[in-house]
Amino acid sequence: MKYLDQDDPFELVGTGFPVNDPETTDRETARCIIEEYALTGFTAGEILRLFESPLYGHPHAIYRRRGSRFVSVLVAEVFGDSR
């Protein structure tokens, strides 16, 4: 097993690919992200702030594309809140 060196040229890189229905893809992806963070103990408010933060690239990209209402509806569904 090779350990990662500080000057190792390999980085984690995300790549995009075409999808048939971008909104459905964003909905399913965001829902998975929300569920994962909820399972690790994040509150609904913390997850909403995570999507608002540019430090979390993929969730924030969905937030920018779809808006806060899109994300808050999904968070409410996961947490069982019928706002």
Protein backbone atom coordinates (compact mmCIF):
# COMPACT_ATOMS: atom_id res chain seq x y z
CA MET A 1 0.00 0.00 0.00
CA LYS A 2 1.36 3.40 -0.98
CA TYR A 3 0.72 6.32 1.34
CA LEU A 4 -0.14 9.70 -0.13
CA ASP A 5 2.81 12.09 -0.13
CA GLN A 6 2.36 15.84 0.41
CA ASP A 7 3.70 16.57 -3.08
CA ASP A 8 1.74 13.76 -4.76
CA PRO A 9 0.19 15.11 -7.99
CA PHE A 10 -3.08 13.21 -7.52
CA GLU A 11 -6.08 15.24 -6.38
CA LEU A 12 -9.75 14.46 -6.02
CA VAL A 13 -11.39 15.97 -9.09
CA GLY A 14 -15.10 16.02 -9.91
CA THR A 15 -16.25 15.87 -13.49
CA GLY A 16 -19.60 16.68 -15.00
CA PHE A 17 -21.58 14.73 -17.51
CA PRO A 18 -24.78 15.44 -19.45
CA VAL A 19 -28.10 14.40 -17.91
CA ASN A 20 -31.59 14.21 -19.36
CA ASP A 21 -33.36 16.15 -16.61
CA PRO A 22 -31.06 18.49 -14.65
CA GLU A 23 -33.72 19.46 -12.10
CA THR A 24 -34.45 15.85 -11.19
CA THR A 25 -30.74 15.14 -10.97
CA ASP A 26 -30.26 18.13 -8.64
CA ARG A 27 -33.24 17.03 -6.53
CA GLU A 28 -31.95 13.46 -6.13
CA THR A 29 -28.39 14.61 -5.45
CA ALA A 30 -29.46 17.23 -2.91
CA ARG A 31 -31.73 14.73 -1.17
CA CYS A 32 -28.84 12.26 -0.84
CA ILE A 33 -26.58 14.97 0.56
CA ILE A 34 -29.26 16.05 3.04
CA GLU A 35 -29.91 12.47 4.17
CA GLU A 36 -26.20 11.77 4.67
CA TYR A 37 -25.68 14.85 6.82
CA ALA A 38 -28.90 14.18 8.75
CA LEU A 39 -27.70 10.64 9.51
CA THR A 40 -24.46 12.03 10.91
CA GLY A 41 -26.35 14.27 13.33
CA PHE A 42 -26.63 17.61 11.53
CA THR A 43 -29.79 19.58 12.27
CA ALA A 44 -32.05 20.95 9.53
CA GLY A 45 -30.68 24.45 10.12
CA GLU A 46 -27.07 23.28 9.89
CA ILE A 47 -27.79 21.52 6.61
CA LEU A 48 -29.45 24.62 5.17
CA ARG A 49 -26.39 26.67 6.12
CA LEU A 50 -24.15 24.04 4.53
CA PHE A 51 -25.95 24.52 1.18
CA GLU A 52 -25.62 28.30 1.54
CA SER A 53 -21.86 28.10 2.13
CA PRO A 54 -19.48 28.30 -0.85
CA LEU A 55 -17.10 26.09 1.15
CA TYR A 56 -19.31 23.12 0.24
CA GLY A 57 -18.94 23.21 -3.54
CA HIS A 58 -21.49 20.71 -4.79
CA PRO A 59 -24.32 21.53 -2.37
CA HIS A 60 -23.70 25.24 -2.93
CA ALA A 61 -23.84 24.81 -6.71
CA ILE A 62 -27.28 23.21 -6.37
CA TYR A 63 -28.33 26.03 -4.03
CA ARG A 64 -27.22 28.66 -6.58
CA ARG A 65 -28.99 26.90 -9.46
CA ARG A 66 -32.26 26.07 -7.69
CA GLY A 67 -32.56 28.57 -4.85
CA SER A 68 -33.23 28.43 -1.13
CA ARG A 69 -36.86 27.29 -1.47
CA PHE A 70 -35.80 24.21 -3.47
CA VAL A 71 -33.33 23.19 -0.76
CA SER A 72 -35.57 24.04 2.20
CA VAL A 73 -38.42 21.91 0.79
CA LEU A 74 -36.09 18.92 0.50
CA VAL A 75 -34.71 19.45 4.01
CA ALA A 76 -38.28 19.63 5.35
CA GLU A 77 -39.14 16.37 3.56
CA VAL A 78 -36.14 14.57 5.05
CA PHE A 79 -36.81 15.87 8.55
CA GLY A 80 -40.54 15.21 8.29
CA ASP A 81 -41.49 18.85 8.61
CA SER A 82 -44.57 19.86 6.63
CA ARG A 83 -43.80 23.60 6.47
